[in-house]
Every structure is written in structure tokens, then in C-alpha cells.
Amino acid sequence: MFTYWLLLDVLAIVATFGFGVALNMVFRRGYVSPGLYVVFGIYLMVQTRGHMTTPEWVLFLIGLAGAFLSGYAVRSLRKRGYSLFTR
């Protein structure tokens, strides 16, 4: 069961990082994907009333880390001169 959650965590960070980089490049802001993830997290907390198991919390926090890393990656790429869909 541990292997299942570990693989799911890897999938979560890769998916949120990739989706977040695409969103941040299109909208040209570094805070779009973390902002959407936080809004999704608030919605999730309201729906579940905060009753999640420990692996679900870990999965949620790993996804949040991927969202923040995507914002950092896009900002650092822009700072180094990559245009990333800008004019």
C-alpha cells in the first residue's frame, strides 16, 4: 500500500508541476497555478469538512508543492531570458 501512495505522490507533483508551468506560461503570471490550487484546496476542505486521512493530506501537500515549484520555475526561466509565450 505504501508503494501505491508513493507512486501517486510522484504522479501528483509531476502533474501539478506540468499543468502549472503551462498555465503560468499562458497567463504570464507566476501565481496562477498556486492560486488555483489553493482555491481548489479550500473547495476540497469545505466538501470534506477537513476529514481526510494522512495519506490524502500528504498527497494534497505534495500537489501544492508542485504548484509552487511551477511558479518558481517559470519566474526563474523568465529572469534568465526565456520568453515563454511573451511578445
Protein backbone atom coordinates (compact mmCIF):
# COMPACT_ATOMS: atom_id res chain seq x y z
CA MET A 1 0.00 0.00 0.00
CA PHE A 2 2.92 2.33 0.70
CA THR A 3 4.17 1.90 -2.87
CA TYR A 4 0.76 2.89 -4.20
CA TRP A 5 0.77 6.17 -2.27
CA LEU A 6 4.39 6.86 -3.18
CA LEU A 7 3.65 6.47 -6.88
CA LEU A 8 0.54 8.59 -6.51
CA ASP A 9 2.64 11.32 -4.85
CA VAL A 10 5.14 11.28 -7.71
CA LEU A 11 2.28 11.50 -10.20
CA ALA A 12 0.73 14.40 -8.26
CA ILE A 13 3.88 16.51 -8.17
CA VAL A 14 4.70 15.87 -11.83
CA ALA A 15 1.13 16.56 -12.98
CA THR A 16 0.69 19.75 -10.96
CA PHE A 17 4.14 20.98 -11.98
CA GLY A 18 3.50 20.36 -15.68
CA PHE A 19 -0.01 21.77 -15.66
CA GLY A 20 1.14 24.72 -13.57
CA VAL A 21 4.01 25.58 -15.91
CA ALA A 22 1.62 25.57 -18.87
CA LEU A 23 -0.89 27.79 -17.03
CA ASN A 24 1.80 30.19 -15.83
CA MET A 25 3.25 30.47 -19.33
CA VAL A 26 -0.12 31.15 -20.95
CA PHE A 27 -1.29 33.69 -18.36
CA ARG A 28 2.23 35.15 -17.92
CA ARG A 29 1.95 35.19 -14.15
CA GLY A 30 3.81 33.07 -11.64
CA TYR A 31 0.97 32.86 -9.17
CA VAL A 32 -1.81 31.41 -11.35
CA SER A 33 -1.28 27.72 -10.62
CA PRO A 34 -0.65 28.09 -6.86
CA GLY A 35 -3.68 30.37 -6.66
CA LEU A 36 -5.92 27.90 -8.45
CA TYR A 37 -4.59 25.06 -6.32
CA VAL A 38 -5.33 26.99 -3.12
CA VAL A 39 -8.87 27.75 -4.35
CA PHE A 40 -9.29 24.06 -5.16
CA GLY A 41 -7.94 23.19 -1.72
CA ILE A 42 -10.43 25.46 0.02
CA TYR A 43 -13.24 23.88 -2.00
CA LEU A 44 -11.92 20.43 -1.05
CA MET A 45 -11.77 21.34 2.64
CA VAL A 46 -15.36 22.61 2.55
CA GLN A 47 -16.62 19.48 0.81
CA THR A 48 -14.84 17.02 3.10
CA ARG A 49 -15.12 19.23 6.19
CA GLY A 50 -11.41 18.61 6.74
CA HIS A 51 -11.88 14.87 7.36
CA MET A 52 -9.09 13.39 5.26
CA THR A 53 -6.70 10.58 6.08
CA THR A 54 -2.98 11.17 6.50
CA PRO A 55 -2.04 9.89 3.01
CA GLU A 56 -4.67 12.20 1.49
CA TRP A 57 -3.17 15.17 3.33
CA VAL A 58 0.31 14.19 2.15
CA LEU A 59 -0.97 13.89 -1.42
CA PHE A 60 -2.61 17.31 -1.18
CA LEU A 61 0.55 18.94 0.18
CA ILE A 62 2.75 17.26 -2.46
CA GLY A 63 0.46 18.66 -5.16
CA LEU A 64 0.68 22.09 -3.56
CA ALA A 65 4.47 21.84 -3.62
CA GLY A 66 4.32 21.03 -7.34
CA ALA A 67 2.13 24.07 -7.96
CA PHE A 68 4.53 26.37 -6.11
CA LEU A 69 7.55 24.84 -7.86
CA SER A 70 5.96 25.53 -11.24
CA GLY A 71 5.56 29.21 -10.36
CA TYR A 72 9.17 29.37 -9.22
CA ALA A 73 10.37 27.61 -12.39
CA VAL A 74 8.53 29.99 -14.72
CA ARG A 75 9.79 33.05 -12.83
CA SER A 76 13.38 31.83 -12.91
CA LEU A 77 13.18 30.95 -16.61
CA ARG A 78 11.86 34.42 -17.41
CA LYS A 79 14.56 36.02 -15.29
CA ARG A 80 17.20 34.12 -17.29
CA GLY A 81 15.87 35.40 -20.60
CA TYR A 82 13.43 32.78 -21.87
CA SER A 83 10.39 34.45 -23.41
CA LEU A 84 7.76 31.74 -22.66
CA PHE A 85 4.89 32.99 -24.85
CA THR A 86 5.63 36.68 -24.30
CA ARG A 87 5.91 39.21 -27.08
